[in-house]
PDB file of N, CA and C in Angstrom:
ATOM      1  N   MET A   1      -3.159 179.454   8.357  1.00  0.00           N
ATOM      2  CA  MET A   1      -3.401 177.957   8.220  1.00  0.00           C
ATOM      3  C   MET A   1      -2.180 177.266   7.454  1.00  0.00           C
ATOM      4  N   ASN A   2      -1.433 178.338   6.062  1.00  0.00           N
ATOM      5  CA  ASN A   2      -0.417 176.964   5.487  1.00  0.00           C
ATOM      6  C   ASN A   2       0.928 176.969   6.717  1.00  0.00           C
ATOM      7  N   LYS A   3       1.025 178.002   7.365  1.00  0.00           N
ATOM      8  CA  LYS A   3       2.456 178.230   8.700  1.00  0.00           C
ATOM      9  C   LYS A   3       1.533 176.640   9.681  1.00  0.00           C
ATOM     10  N   LEU A   4       0.367 177.063  10.056  1.00  0.00           N
ATOM     11  CA  LEU A   4       0.248 175.738  11.144  1.00  0.00           C
ATOM     12  C   LEU A   4      -0.003 174.398  10.933  1.00  0.00           C
ATOM     13  N   GLN A   5      -0.065 173.871   9.185  1.00  0.00           N
ATOM     14  CA  GLN A   5      -0.462 173.101   8.622  1.00  0.00           C
ATOM     15  C   GLN A   5       0.014 172.856   6.709  1.00  0.00           C
ATOM     16  N   PRO A   6       1.055 172.848   7.064  1.00  0.00           N
ATOM     17  CA  PRO A   6       1.447 172.992   5.149  1.00  0.00           C
ATOM     18  C   PRO A   6       0.290 172.326   4.483  1.00  0.00           C
ATOM     19  N   GLY A   7       0.391 173.652   3.253  1.00  0.00           N
ATOM     20  CA  GLY A   7      -0.093 172.921   2.262  1.00  0.00           C
ATOM     21  C   GLY A   7      -1.739 172.645   2.457  1.00  0.00           C
ATOM     22  N   SER A   8      -2.142 173.067   3.495  1.00  0.00           N
ATOM     23  CA  SER A   8      -3.315 172.943   4.164  1.00  0.00           C
ATOM     24  C   SER A   8      -4.790 173.618   2.925  1.00  0.00           C
ATOM     25  N   VAL A   9      -3.630 175.418   2.473  1.00  0.00           N
ATOM     26  CA  VAL A   9      -4.324 176.219   1.855  1.00  0.00           C
ATOM     27  C   VAL A   9      -3.586 175.930   0.003  1.00  0.00           C
ATOM     28  N   PRO A  10      -4.055 174.756  -0.557  1.00  0.00           N
ATOM     29  CA  PRO A  10      -2.656 174.535  -1.815  1.00  0.00           C
ATOM     30  C   PRO A  10      -2.911 175.687  -2.775  1.00  0.00           C
ATOM     31  N   LYS A  11      -4.256 176.554  -2.485  1.00  0.00           N
ATOM     32  CA  LYS A  11      -4.485 177.841  -3.812  1.00  0.00           C
ATOM     33  C   LYS A  11      -4.856 178.851  -3.096  1.00  0.00           C
ATOM     34  N   ILE A  12      -4.096 179.864  -3.243  1.00  0.00           N
ATOM     35  CA  ILE A  12      -4.693 181.062  -2.257  1.00  0.00           C
ATOM     36  C   ILE A  12      -4.436 182.615  -3.555  1.00  0.00           C
ATOM     37  N   ASN A  13      -5.523 182.649  -4.195  1.00  0.00           N
ATOM     38  CA  ASN A  13      -6.374 183.981  -5.431  1.00  0.00           C
ATOM     39  C   ASN A  13      -5.947 185.219  -4.605  1.00  0.00           C
ATOM     40  N   CYS A  14      -4.877 185.795  -6.143  1.00  0.00           N
ATOM     41  CA  CYS A  14      -4.664 187.181  -5.310  1.00  0.00           C
ATOM     42  C   CYS A  14      -5.751 188.239  -6.119  1.00  0.00           C
ATOM     43  N   SER A  15      -6.233 188.194  -6.224  1.00  0.00           N
ATOM     44  CA  SER A  15      -6.895 188.830  -7.208  1.00  0.00           C
ATOM     45  C   SER A  15      -8.737 189.400  -6.313  1.00  0.00           C
ATOM     46  N   MET A  16      -8.707 190.531  -6.845  1.00  0.00           N
ATOM     47  CA  MET A  16      -9.859 191.341  -5.617  1.00  0.00           C
ATOM     48  C   MET A  16     -11.168 191.054  -6.091  1.00  0.00           C
ATOM     49  N   GLN A  17     -11.325 190.079  -6.976  1.00  0.00           N
ATOM     50  CA  GLN A  17     -12.935 189.989  -7.569  1.00  0.00           C
ATOM     51  C   GLN A  17     -13.180 189.620  -6.455  1.00  0.00           C
ATOM     52  N   ASN A  18     -14.784 189.550  -6.137  1.00  0.00           N
ATOM     53  CA  ASN A  18     -15.584 188.790  -4.913  1.00  0.00           C
ATOM     54  C   ASN A  18     -15.420 187.067  -4.707  1.00  0.00           C
ATOM     55  N   TRP A  19     -15.785 186.822  -6.556  1.00  0.00           N
ATOM     56  CA  TRP A  19     -15.840 185.203  -5.506  1.00  0.00           C
ATOM     57  C   TRP A  19     -14.268 184.532  -5.870  1.00  0.00           C
ATOM     58  N   HIS A  20     -13.189 185.310  -6.230  1.00  0.00           N
ATOM     59  CA  HIS A  20     -12.278 184.656  -5.848  1.00  0.00           C
ATOM     60  C   HIS A  20     -11.548 184.876  -4.257  1.00  0.00           C
ATOM     61  N   GLN A  21     -11.994 186.283  -3.511  1.00  0.00           N
ATOM     62  CA  GLN A  21     -11.567 186.540  -2.262  1.00  0.00           C
ATOM     63  C   GLN A  21     -13.080 185.076  -1.387  1.00  0.00           C
ATOM     64  N   LEU A  22     -14.292 184.499  -1.913  1.00  0.00           N
ATOM     65  CA  LEU A  22     -14.934 184.115  -1.375  1.00  0.00           C
ATOM     66  C   LEU A  22     -14.532 182.717  -1.190  1.00  0.00           C
ATOM     67  N   GLU A  23     -14.021 182.913  -2.650  1.00  0.00           N
ATOM     68  CA  GLU A  23     -12.738 180.851  -3.085  1.00  0.00           C
ATOM     69  C   GLU A  23     -12.006 180.750  -1.378  1.00  0.00           C
ATOM     70  N   ASN A  24     -10.921 182.193  -1.644  1.00  0.00           N
ATOM     71  CA  ASN A  24     -10.191 182.166  -0.549  1.00  0.00           C
ATOM     72  C   ASN A  24     -10.482 181.914   0.636  1.00  0.00           C
ATOM     73  N   LEU A  25     -11.789 182.570   1.004  1.00  0.00           N
ATOM     74  CA  LEU A  25     -12.414 182.370   2.936  1.00  0.00           C
ATOM     75  C   LEU A  25     -13.077 181.209   2.932  1.00  0.00           C
ATOM     76  N   SER A  26     -13.672 180.520   1.830  1.00  0.00           N
ATOM     77  CA  SER A  26     -13.878 178.899   1.823  1.00  0.00           C
ATOM     78  C   SER A  26     -12.996 177.904   2.540  1.00  0.00           C
ATOM     79  N   ASN A  27     -11.578 178.149   1.166  1.00  0.00           N
ATOM     80  CA  ASN A  27     -10.642 177.675   1.075  1.00  0.00           C
ATOM     81  C   ASN A  27      -9.735 177.333   2.746  1.00  0.00           C
ATOM     82  N   PHE A  28      -9.920 178.450   2.977  1.00  0.00           N
ATOM     83  CA  PHE A  28      -9.470 178.746   4.973  1.00  0.00           C
ATOM     84  C   PHE A  28     -10.092 178.474   5.670  1.00  0.00           C
ATOM     85  N   ILE A  29     -12.073 178.622   5.505  1.00  0.00           N
ATOM     86  CA  ILE A  29     -12.555 177.448   6.213  1.00  0.00           C
ATOM     87  C   ILE A  29     -11.956 175.901   6.099  1.00  0.00           C
ATOM     88  N   LYS A  30     -12.538 175.476   5.129  1.00  0.00           N
ATOM     89  CA  LYS A  30     -12.348 173.760   4.990  1.00  0.00           C
ATOM     90  C   LYS A  30     -10.437 173.359   5.659  1.00  0.00           C
ATOM     91  N   ALA A  31      -9.701 174.120   5.455  1.00  0.00           N
ATOM     92  CA  ALA A  31      -8.357 173.761   5.826  1.00  0.00           C
ATOM     93  C   ALA A  31      -8.380 173.681   7.879  1.00  0.00           C
ATOM     94  N   MET A  32      -9.626 175.036   8.356  1.00  0.00           N
ATOM     95  CA  MET A  32      -9.377 175.058   9.587  1.00  0.00           C
ATOM     96  C   MET A  32      -9.939 173.285  10.352  1.00  0.00           C
ATOM     97  N   VAL A  33     -10.926 173.072   9.506  1.00  0.00           N
ATOM     98  CA  VAL A  33     -11.431 171.472   9.888  1.00  0.00           C
ATOM     99  C   VAL A  33     -10.743 170.440   9.432  1.00  0.00           C
ATOM    100  N   SER A  34     -10.296 171.022   8.444  1.00  0.00           N
ATOM    101  CA  SER A  34      -9.015 169.906   8.201  1.00  0.00           C
ATOM    102  C   SER A  34      -7.806 169.640   9.849  1.00  0.00           C
ATOM    103  N   TYR A  35      -7.698 171.042  10.614  1.00  0.00           N
ATOM    104  CA  TYR A  35      -6.959 171.058  11.520  1.00  0.00           C
ATOM    105  C   TYR A  35      -7.484 170.003  13.046  1.00  0.00           C
ATOM    106  N   GLY A  36      -8.821 170.438  12.602  1.00  0.00           N
ATOM    107  CA  GLY A  36      -9.446 169.670  13.806  1.00  0.00           C
ATOM    108  C   GLY A  36     -10.615 170.471  14.358  1.00  0.00           C
ATOM    109  N   MET A  37     -10.352 172.034  13.812  1.00  0.00           N
ATOM    110  CA  MET A  37     -11.732 172.500  14.374  1.00  0.00           C
ATOM    111  C   MET A  37     -12.501 172.122  14.398  1.00  0.00           C
ATOM    112  N   ASN A  38     -14.154 172.547  15.337  1.00  0.00           N
ATOM    113  CA  ASN A  38     -15.037 172.218  15.629  1.00  0.00           C
ATOM    114  C   ASN A  38     -15.731 172.741  14.709  1.00  0.00           C
ATOM    115  N   PRO A  39     -16.774 172.158  13.714  1.00  0.00           N
ATOM    116  CA  PRO A  39     -17.610 173.242  13.087  1.00  0.00           C
ATOM    117  C   PRO A  39     -18.527 174.119  14.119  1.00  0.00           C
ATOM    118  N   VAL A  40     -18.842 173.738  15.015  1.00  0.00           N
ATOM    119  CA  VAL A  40     -19.602 175.113  15.649  1.00  0.00           C
ATOM    120  C   VAL A  40     -18.761 176.151  16.095  1.00  0.00           C
ATOM    121  N   ASP A  41     -17.738 175.876  15.624  1.00  0.00           N
ATOM    122  CA  ASP A  41     -16.949 177.280  16.081  1.00  0.00           C
ATOM    123  C   ASP A  41     -15.803 178.161  15.445  1.00  0.00           C
ATOM    124  N   LEU A  42     -16.492 177.642  13.697  1.00  0.00           N
ATOM    125  CA  LEU A  42     -16.500 178.049  12.740  1.00  0.00           C
ATOM    126  C   LEU A  42     -17.314 179.056  11.967  1.00  0.00           C
ATOM    127  N   PHE A  43     -16.696 180.115  11.702  1.00  0.00           N
ATOM    128  CA  PHE A  43     -17.229 181.520  10.420  1.00  0.00           C
ATOM    129  C   PHE A  43     -17.597 180.644   9.200  1.00  0.00           C
ATOM    130  N   LYS A  44     -18.597 181.476   8.695  1.00  0.00           N
ATOM    131  CA  LYS A  44     -18.984 181.494   7.248  1.00  0.00           C
ATOM    132  C   LYS A  44     -18.300 182.374   6.212  1.00  0.00           C
ATOM    133  N   ALA A  45     -17.940 182.662   5.148  1.00  0.00           N
ATOM    134  CA  ALA A  45     -17.502 182.821   4.451  1.00  0.00           C
ATOM    135  C   ALA A  45     -18.570 184.477   4.271  1.00  0.00           C
ATOM    136  N   ASN A  46     -19.361 184.957   4.175  1.00  0.00           N
ATOM    137  CA  ASN A  46     -19.951 185.892   4.225  1.00  0.00           C
ATOM    138  C   ASN A  46     -19.916 186.112   5.238  1.00  0.00           C
ATOM    139  N   ASP A  47     -19.532 185.760   7.275  1.00  0.00           N
ATOM    140  CA  ASP A  47     -19.728 186.816   8.057  1.00  0.00           C
ATOM    141  C   ASP A  47     -18.868 187.360   7.881  1.00  0.00           C
ATOM    142  N   LEU A  48     -17.300 186.772   7.187  1.00  0.00           N
ATOM    143  CA  LEU A  48     -16.705 188.336   6.490  1.00  0.00           C
ATOM    144  C   LEU A  48     -16.655 189.280   5.171  1.00  0.00           C
ATOM    145  N   PHE A  49     -16.733 188.584   4.800  1.00  0.00           N
ATOM    146  CA  PHE A  49     -17.278 188.805   3.340  1.00  0.00           C
ATOM    147  C   PHE A  49     -18.319 189.928   3.554  1.00  0.00           C
ATOM    148  N   GLU A  50     -19.238 189.654   4.036  1.00  0.00           N
ATOM    149  CA  GLU A  50     -20.556 190.921   4.002  1.00  0.00           C
ATOM    150  C   GLU A  50     -20.343 191.530   5.445  1.00  0.00           C
ATOM    151  N   SER A  51     -19.797 191.356   6.716  1.00  0.00           N
ATOM    152  CA  SER A  51     -19.450 192.002   7.821  1.00  0.00           C
ATOM    153  C   SER A  51     -20.231 191.826   8.526  1.00  0.00           C
ATOM    154  N   GLY A  52     -20.660 190.188   8.328  1.00  0.00           N
ATOM    155  CA  GLY A  52     -22.087 189.784   9.224  1.00  0.00           C
ATOM    156  C   GLY A  52     -22.274 189.073  10.402  1.00  0.00           C
ATOM    157  N   ASN A  53     -20.909 188.621  10.664  1.00  0.00           N
ATOM    158  CA  ASN A  53     -21.135 188.245  11.814  1.00  0.00           C
ATOM    159  C   ASN A  53     -19.913 188.427  12.648  1.00  0.00           C
ATOM    160  N   MET A  54     -18.709 189.760  12.600  1.00  0.00           N
ATOM    161  CA  MET A  54     -17.575 189.886  13.025  1.00  0.00           C
ATOM    162  C   MET A  54     -17.715 189.106  14.209  1.00  0.00           C
ATOM    163  N   ALA A  55     -18.710 188.679  14.856  1.00  0.00           N
ATOM    164  CA  ALA A  55     -18.176 188.173  16.532  1.00  0.00           C
ATOM    165  C   ALA A  55     -17.909 186.790  16.269  1.00  0.00           C
ATOM    166  N   GLN A  56     -18.680 186.145  15.460  1.00  0.00           N
ATOM    167  CA  GLN A  56     -18.050 185.036  14.940  1.00  0.00           C
ATOM    168  C   GLN A  56     -16.803 184.564  14.296  1.00  0.00           C
ATOM    169  N   VAL A  57     -16.840 185.575  13.354  1.00  0.00           N
ATOM    170  CA  VAL A  57     -15.199 185.351  13.247  1.00  0.00           C
ATOM    171  C   VAL A  57     -13.856 185.490  14.312  1.00  0.00           C
ATOM    172  N   GLN A  58     -14.291 186.528  14.957  1.00  0.00           N
ATOM    173  CA  GLN A  58     -13.843 186.805  16.060  1.00  0.00           C
ATOM    174  C   GLN A  58     -13.072 185.540  17.164  1.00  0.00           C
ATOM    175  N   VAL A  59     -14.636 184.631  17.536  1.00  0.00           N
ATOM    176  CA  VAL A  59     -14.511 183.452  18.121  1.00  0.00           C
ATOM    177  C   VAL A  59     -13.471 182.085  17.062  1.00  0.00           C
ATOM    178  N   SER A  60     -13.501 181.916  16.081  1.00  0.00           N
ATOM    179  CA  SER A  60     -13.460 180.962  15.137  1.00  0.00           C
ATOM    180  C   SER A  60     -12.083 181.042  15.160  1.00  0.00           C
ATOM    181  N   LEU A  61     -11.206 182.890  15.128  1.00  0.00           N
ATOM    182  CA  LEU A  61      -9.936 183.053  15.082  1.00  0.00           C
ATOM    183  C   LEU A  61      -9.008 182.960  16.561  1.00  0.00           C
ATOM    184  N   PHE A  62     -10.042 183.154  17.510  1.00  0.00           N
ATOM    185  CA  PHE A  62      -9.679 182.933  19.181  1.00  0.00           C
ATOM    186  C   PHE A  62      -9.471 181.677  18.893  1.00  0.00           C
ATOM    187  N   THR A  63      -9.976 180.554  18.969  1.00  0.00           N
ATOM    188  CA  THR A  63     -10.409 179.078  18.852  1.00  0.00           C
ATOM    189  C   THR A  63      -9.169 178.894  18.148  1.00  0.00           C
ATOM    190  N   LEU A  64      -9.322 178.922  16.734  1.00  0.00           N
ATOM    191  CA  LEU A  64      -8.112 178.616  16.226  1.00  0.00           C
ATOM    192  C   LEU A  64      -6.455 178.626  17.020  1.00  0.00           C
ATOM    193  N   VAL A  65      -6.370 179.749  17.398  1.00  0.00           N
ATOM    194  CA  VAL A  65      -4.977 180.202  18.543  1.00  0.00           C
ATOM    195  C   VAL A  65      -4.861 179.292  19.414  1.00  0.00           C
ATOM    196  N   GLY A  66      -5.943 178.836  20.219  1.00  0.00           N
ATOM    197  CA  GLY A  66      -5.979 177.720  21.263  1.00  0.00           C
ATOM    198  C   GLY A  66      -5.822 176.692  21.171  1.00  0.00           C
ATOM    199  N   LYS A  67      -6.074 176.123  19.513  1.00  0.00           N
ATOM    200  CA  LYS A  67      -6.026 175.195  19.386  1.00  0.00           C
ATOM    201  C   LYS A  67      -4.611 174.866  18.768  1.00  0.00           C
ATOM    202  N   ALA A  68      -4.231 175.375  17.646  1.00  0.00           N
ATOM    203  CA  ALA A  68      -2.685 175.663  17.375  1.00  0.00           C
ATOM    204  C   ALA A  68      -1.369 175.835  18.902  1.00  0.00           C
ATOM    205  N   LYS A  69      -1.779 176.266  20.215  1.00  0.00           N
ATOM    206  CA  LYS A  69      -1.315 176.236  21.014  1.00  0.00           C
ATOM    207  C   LYS A  69      -1.068 175.467  21.565  1.00  0.00           C
ATOM    208  N   THR A  70      -2.361 174.548  22.077  1.00  0.00           N
ATOM    209  CA  THR A  70      -2.278 172.544  21.954  1.00  0.00           C
ATOM    210  C   THR A  70      -1.730 172.119  21.284  1.00  0.00           C
ATOM    211  N   LYS A  71      -2.221 171.851  19.978  1.00  0.00           N
ATOM    212  CA  LYS A  71      -1.599 170.876  18.643  1.00  0.00           C
ATOM    213  C   LYS A  71       0.072 171.379  18.643  1.00  0.00           C
ATOM    214  N   GLU A  72       0.447 172.103  19.122  1.00  0.00           N
ATOM    215  CA  GLU A  72       2.038 172.983  18.752  1.00  0.00           C
ATOM    216  C   GLU A  72       3.010 173.549  19.989  1.00  0.00           C
ATOM    217  N   PRO A  73       2.406 172.836  21.535  1.00  0.00           N
ATOM    218  CA  PRO A  73       2.942 173.223  22.644  1.00  0.00           C
ATOM    219  C   PRO A  73       4.584 174.347  22.346  1.00  0.00           C
ATOM    220  N   GLN A  74       5.343 173.594  22.069  1.00  0.00           N
ATOM    221  CA  GLN A  74       6.264 173.950  21.722  1.00  0.00           C
ATOM    222  C   GLN A  74       7.065 174.379  21.001  1.00  0.00           C
ATOM    223  N   SER A  75       6.208 174.767  19.481  1.00  0.00           N
ATOM    224  CA  SER A  75       5.902 175.887  18.639  1.00  0.00           C
ATOM    225  C   SER A  75       7.013 177.037  19.249  1.00  0.00           C
ATOM    226  N   ARG A  76       8.266 177.171  18.384  1.00  0.00           N
ATOM    227  CA  ARG A  76       8.180 178.780  18.122  1.00  0.00           C
ATOM    228  C   ARG A  76       7.981 179.878  17.586  1.00  0.00           C
ATOM    229  N   MET A  77       6.678 179.359  16.836  1.00  0.00           N
ATOM    230  CA  MET A  77       5.748 179.977  15.775  1.00  0.00           C
ATOM    231  C   MET A  77       5.482 181.035  16.703  1.00  0.00           C
ATOM    232  N   ASP A  78       5.152 182.550  16.782  1.00  0.00           N
ATOM    233  CA  ASP A  78       4.176 183.425  17.439  1.00  0.00           C
ATOM    234  C   ASP A  78       2.808 183.316  16.955  1.00  0.00           C
ATOM    235  N   ILE A  79       1.645 182.842  18.102  1.00  0.00           N
ATOM    236  CA  ILE A  79       0.313 182.726  17.291  1.00  0.00           C
ATOM    237  C   ILE A  79      -0.291 183.145  18.364  1.00  0.00           C
ATOM    238  N   SER A  80       0.056 183.991  19.182  1.00  0.00           N
ATOM    239  CA  SER A  80      -0.279 185.112  20.385  1.00  0.00           C
ATOM    240  C   SER A  80      -1.392 185.797  19.356  1.00  0.00           C
ATOM    241  N   ILE A  81      -2.240 186.286  20.204  1.00  0.00           N
ATOM    242  CA  ILE A  81      -2.808 187.768  19.051  1.00  0.00           C
ATOM    243  C   ILE A  81      -2.773 188.725  20.791  1.00  0.00           C
ATOM    244  N   LYS A  82      -2.035 189.830  20.034  1.00  0.00           N
ATOM    245  CA  LYS A  82      -1.570 191.006  21.291  1.00  0.00           C
ATOM    246  C   LYS A  82      -3.184 191.503  21.514  1.00  0.00           C
ATOM    247  N   TYR A  83      -2.902 192.191  22.257  1.00  0.00           N
ATOM    248  CA  TYR A  83      -3.609 192.811  23.340  1.00  0.00           C
ATOM    249  C   TYR A  83      -4.646 194.043  22.740  1.00  0.00           C
ATOM    250  N   SER A  84      -3.510 194.084  22.060  1.00  0.00           N
ATOM    251  CA  SER A  84      -3.950 196.292  21.043  1.00  0.00           C
ATOM    252  C   SER A  84      -4.841 195.326  19.915  1.00  0.00           C
ATOM    253  N   GLU A  85      -3.931 194.224  19.371  1.00  0.00           N
ATOM    254  CA  GLU A  85      -4.536 193.476  18.349  1.00  0.00           C
ATOM    255  C   GLU A  85      -6.106 193.307  18.535  1.00  0.00           C
ATOM    256  N   LYS A  86      -6.343 192.536  19.651  1.00  0.00           N
ATOM    257  CA  LYS A  86      -7.598 192.484  20.135  1.00  0.00           C
ATOM    258  C   LYS A  86      -8.576 193.373  20.571  1.00  0.00           C
ATOM    259  N   GLN A  87      -8.046 194.685  21.084  1.00  0.00           N
ATOM    260  CA  GLN A  87      -8.759 195.947  21.747  1.00  0.00           C
ATOM    261  C   GLN A  87      -9.202 196.250  19.993  1.00  0.00           C
ATOM    262  N   TYR A  88      -8.212 196.591  18.965  1.00  0.00           N
ATOM    263  CA  TYR A  88      -8.576 197.019  17.590  1.00  0.00           C
ATOM    264  C   TYR A  88      -9.584 195.913  17.501  1.00  0.00           C
ATOM    265  N   LEU A  89     -10.108 194.345  16.975  1.00  0.00           N
ATOM    266  CA  LEU A  89     -10.878 193.638  16.683  1.00  0.00           C
ATOM    267  C   LEU A  89     -12.621 193.769  17.389  1.00  0.00           C
ATOM    268  N   MET A  90     -12.058 194.241  19.137  1.00  0.00           N
ATOM    269  CA  MET A  90     -13.447 194.140  19.817  1.00  0.00           C
ATOM    270  C   MET A  90     -14.105 195.424  19.202  1.00  0.00           C
ATOM    271  N   GLY A  91     -12.828 196.564  18.969  1.00  0.00           N
ATOM    272  CA  GLY A  91     -13.949 197.701  18.472  1.00  0.00           C
ATOM    273  C   GLY A  91     -14.426 197.136  16.833  1.00  0.00           C
ATOM    274  N   LEU A  92     -13.607 197.026  16.113  1.00  0.00           N
ATOM    275  CA  LEU A  92     -14.875 196.397  15.198  1.00  0.00           C
ATOM    276  C   LEU A  92     -16.047 196.268  15.034  1.00  0.00           C
ATOM    277  N   VAL A  93     -16.030 194.750  16.078  1.00  0.00           N
ATOM    278  CA  VAL A  93     -16.921 193.930  16.210  1.00  0.00           C
ATOM    279  C   VAL A  93     -18.212 195.382  16.499  1.00  0.00           C
ATOM    280  N   GLY A  94     -17.730 196.227  17.179  1.00  0.00           N
ATOM    281  CA  GLY A  94     -18.609 197.018  18.719  1.00  0.00           C
ATOM    282  C   GLY A  94     -19.495 198.221  17.227  1.00  0.00           C
ATOM    283  N   LYS A  95     -18.706 198.704  16.283  1.00  0.00           N
ATOM    284  CA  LYS A  95     -18.765 198.825  15.508  1.00  0.00           C
ATOM    285  C   LYS A  95     -19.488 198.590  14.487  1.00  0.00           C
ATOM    286  N   VAL A  96     -19.862 197.140  13.962  1.00  0.00           N
ATOM    287  CA  VAL A  96     -20.313 196.578  13.447  1.00  0.00           C
ATOM    288  C   VAL A  96     -22.125 196.796  13.387  1.00  0.00           C
ATOM    289  N   ARG A  97     -21.646 195.865  14.951  1.00  0.00           N
ATOM    290  CA  ARG A  97     -23.329 195.773  15.905  1.00  0.00           C
ATOM    291  C   ARG A  97     -23.712 197.413  16.024  1.00  0.00           C
ATOM    292  N   LEU A  98     -23.255 198.016  16.115  1.00  0.00           N
ATOM    293  CA  LEU A  98     -23.818 199.864  15.923  1.00  0.00           C
ATOM    294  C   LEU A  98     -24.833 200.018  14.559  1.00  0.00           C
ATOM    295  N   ALA A  99     -23.899 199.457  13.432  1.00  0.00           N
ATOM    296  CA  ALA A  99     -24.528 200.307  12.457  1.00  0.00           C
ATOM    297  C   ALA A  99     -25.120 199.650  12.306  1.00  0.00           C
ATOM    298  N   GLN A 100     -25.398 197.689  12.461  1.00  0.00           N
ATOM    299  CA  GLN A 100     -26.529 197.138  12.335  1.00  0.00           C
ATOM    300  C   GLN A 100     -27.887 197.644  12.588  1.00  0.00           C
ATOM    301  N   GLY A 101     -27.166 198.049  14.153  1.00  0.00           N
ATOM    302  CA  GLY A 101     -28.783 198.660  15.306  1.00  0.00           C
ATOM    303  C   GLY A 101     -29.390 200.021  14.577  1.00  0.00           C
ATOM    304  N   SER A 102     -28.669 200.519  14.400  1.00  0.00           N
ATOM    305  CA  SER A 102     -29.222 201.953  13.479  1.00  0.00           C
ATOM    306  C   SER A 102     -29.867 201.796  11.930  1.00  0.00           C
ATOM    307  N   GLY A 103     -29.822 199.751  11.547  1.00  0.00           N
ATOM    308  CA  GLY A 103     -30.412 199.981  10.483  1.00  0.00           C
ATOM    309  C   GLY A 103     -29.796 200.427   9.017  1.00  0.00           C
ATOM    310  N   ILE A 104     -28.123 200.421   9.639  1.00  0.00           N
ATOM    311  CA  ILE A 104     -26.966 200.341   8.396  1.00  0.00           C
ATOM    312  C   ILE A 104     -26.013 199.871   8.619  1.00  0.00           C
ATOM    313  N   LEU A 105     -25.952 199.061   7.406  1.00  0.00           N
ATOM    314  CA  LEU A 105     -24.698 198.615   7.781  1.00  0.00           C
ATOM    315  C   LEU A 105     -23.652 198.901   6.967  1.00  0.00           C
ATOM    316  N   ARG A 106     -22.686 199.503   8.050  1.00  0.00           N
ATOM    317  CA  ARG A 106     -20.844 199.497   7.045  1.00  0.00           C
ATOM    318  C   ARG A 106     -19.939 198.954   7.966  1.00  0.00           C
ATOM    319  N   PHE A 107     -19.028 199.402   7.518  1.00  0.00           N
ATOM    320  CA  PHE A 107     -17.496 198.345   8.254  1.00  0.00           C
ATOM    321  C   PHE A 107     -16.712 199.460   8.358  1.00  0.00           C
ATOM    322  N   GLY A 108     -16.108 199.488   9.987  1.00  0.00           N
ATOM    323  CA  GLY A 108     -14.894 200.662   9.305  1.00  0.00           C
ATOM    324  C   GLY A 108     -14.868 201.924  10.443  1.00  0.00           C
ATOM    325  N   GLY A 109     -13.903 202.362   9.871  1.00  0.00           N
ATOM    326  CA  GLY A 109     -14.198 204.120  10.808  1.00  0.00           C
ATOM    327  C   GLY A 109     -15.091 204.711  10.707  1.00  0.00           C
TER     328      GLY A 109
END
């Protein structure tokens, strides 16, 4: 976000403690709002932190890319999502959905 809107995330915690990670997510989400994202398109910190709604996380990030392209159409910054990365993200979302359907929530491989 700081590349798209400098200073929008003033503090980034490098700690691996849960509350620091949640604070980072909260700051990122606030920065997306100040960038002009519609609140309907935003994910919640627990969607990513607890792998609760990875599809909403993906929608938010794709929407952010689209917003950045319309706000900065002449930018030389690469703000695209590569097809292979998109496929990887779709695979992760599918794994989370399968795990949720089985009553066991796990994330990753």
